[in-house]
Protein backbone atom coordinates (compact mmCIF):
# COMPACT_ATOMS: atom_id res chain seq x y z
CA MET A 1 -11.59 -28.42 10.22
CA THR A 2 -14.19 -28.47 7.48
CA ASN A 3 -13.43 -28.75 3.78
CA SER A 4 -14.22 -25.06 3.20
CA GLU A 5 -11.82 -24.04 5.99
CA ILE A 6 -9.06 -26.16 4.43
CA THR A 7 -9.71 -24.59 1.03
CA ARG A 8 -9.54 -21.07 2.49
CA SER A 9 -6.16 -21.66 4.11
CA LEU A 10 -4.57 -23.08 0.95
CA PRO A 11 -3.04 -20.85 -1.72
CA LYS A 12 -4.95 -20.49 -4.99
CA THR A 13 -2.47 -22.73 -6.79
CA ALA A 14 -2.70 -25.69 -4.38
CA VAL A 15 -5.00 -28.69 -4.74
CA PRO A 16 -6.69 -29.64 -1.46
CA ALA A 17 -5.91 -33.13 -0.21
CA GLY A 18 -8.59 -35.65 0.59
CA ILE A 19 -10.81 -35.19 -2.44
CA VAL A 20 -12.21 -38.65 -3.19
CA ASP A 21 -14.44 -37.88 -6.16
CA PRO A 22 -12.40 -37.98 -9.39
CA VAL A 23 -14.51 -35.25 -10.99
CA GLU A 24 -14.02 -32.91 -8.02
CA SER A 25 -10.32 -33.77 -8.01
CA ALA A 26 -10.01 -32.92 -11.72
CA ARG A 27 -11.87 -29.65 -11.18
CA ALA A 28 -9.62 -28.73 -8.27
CA GLU A 29 -6.49 -29.53 -10.32
CA LEU A 30 -7.77 -27.50 -13.27
CA LYS A 31 -8.64 -24.57 -11.02
CA ALA A 32 -5.16 -24.67 -9.44
CA ALA A 33 -3.46 -24.93 -12.84
CA LEU A 34 -5.43 -22.00 -14.24
CA ALA A 35 -4.63 -19.92 -11.14
CA ALA A 36 -0.92 -20.72 -11.53
CA ILE A 37 -1.02 -19.73 -15.21
CA GLU A 38 -2.81 -16.51 -14.35
CA ILE A 39 -0.29 -15.64 -11.67
CA LYS A 40 2.72 -16.44 -13.87
CA GLY A 41 1.32 -14.84 -17.01
CA ASN A 42 -0.03 -11.61 -15.53
CA PHE A 43 3.04 -9.48 -16.22
CA PRO A 44 1.52 -6.10 -15.32
CA ARG A 45 0.56 -7.44 -11.91
CA ARG A 46 4.01 -8.99 -11.40
CA ILE A 47 5.72 -5.76 -12.48
CA ASP A 48 3.49 -3.76 -10.13
CA LYS A 49 4.36 -6.03 -7.20
CA ALA A 50 8.07 -5.93 -8.03
CA SER A 51 8.09 -2.14 -8.31
CA LYS A 52 6.26 -1.75 -5.00
CA ARG A 53 8.74 -4.12 -3.38
CA ALA A 54 11.68 -2.14 -4.85
CA VAL A 55 10.23 1.17 -3.64
CA ALA A 56 9.79 -0.25 -0.12
CA GLU A 57 13.37 -1.56 -0.11
CA ALA A 58 14.67 1.80 -1.39
CA ARG A 59 12.81 3.64 1.37
CA VAL A 60 14.29 1.35 4.03
CA PHE A 61 17.76 1.87 2.52
CA ALA A 62 17.25 5.66 2.42
CA ASP A 63 16.13 5.66 6.06
CA ARG A 64 19.21 3.70 7.14
CA ASN A 65 21.76 5.49 4.96
CA PRO A 66 20.52 8.83 3.61
CA SER A 67 23.86 10.03 2.20
CA ALA A 68 24.32 6.86 0.13
CA ALA A 69 20.72 7.17 -1.08
CA ILE A 70 21.34 10.75 -2.22
CA ALA A 71 24.55 9.68 -3.97
CA GLY A 72 22.69 6.85 -5.67
CA ALA A 73 19.90 9.17 -6.82
CA VAL A 74 22.47 11.61 -8.24
CA GLY A 75 24.25 8.75 -9.99
CA VAL A 76 21.02 7.50 -11.55
CA ALA A 77 20.15 11.04 -12.67
CA VAL A 78 23.59 11.43 -14.30
CA VAL A 79 23.26 8.12 -16.13
CA VAL A 80 19.71 8.87 -17.35
CA GLY A 81 20.67 12.42 -18.35
CA GLY A 82 23.72 11.15 -20.22
CA ALA A 83 21.64 8.58 -22.07
CA VAL A 84 19.03 11.18 -23.05
CA TRP A 85 21.77 13.54 -24.19
CA ALA A 86 23.47 10.82 -26.24
CA ILE A 87 20.20 9.82 -27.91
CA ALA A 88 19.28 13.46 -28.65
CA ARG A 89 22.72 14.12 -30.10
CA ALA A 90 22.57 10.99 -32.27
CA LEU A 91 19.13 11.97 -33.58
CA ALA A 92 20.26 15.54 -34.30
CA ARG A 93 23.06 14.36 -36.60
């Protein structure tokens, strides 16, 4: 395995082993640290991934148990409608 093949198989936040040159090692550590910060700090991307994961899980649940999924959707609609009604009523007073 060449060094470029090892680098390709590692995640962005990992530092490849076997770097002898201290400058290259420092660059690799900095690159990994910046990638980790970018991954942790990119909230829109994390929210997008979490919402896609939740949608996929909801679809699997709805496929396995459609009646419970319908009941859950009705329950969510009642809660959201009640909250909107309560806010509108409070603002109207």
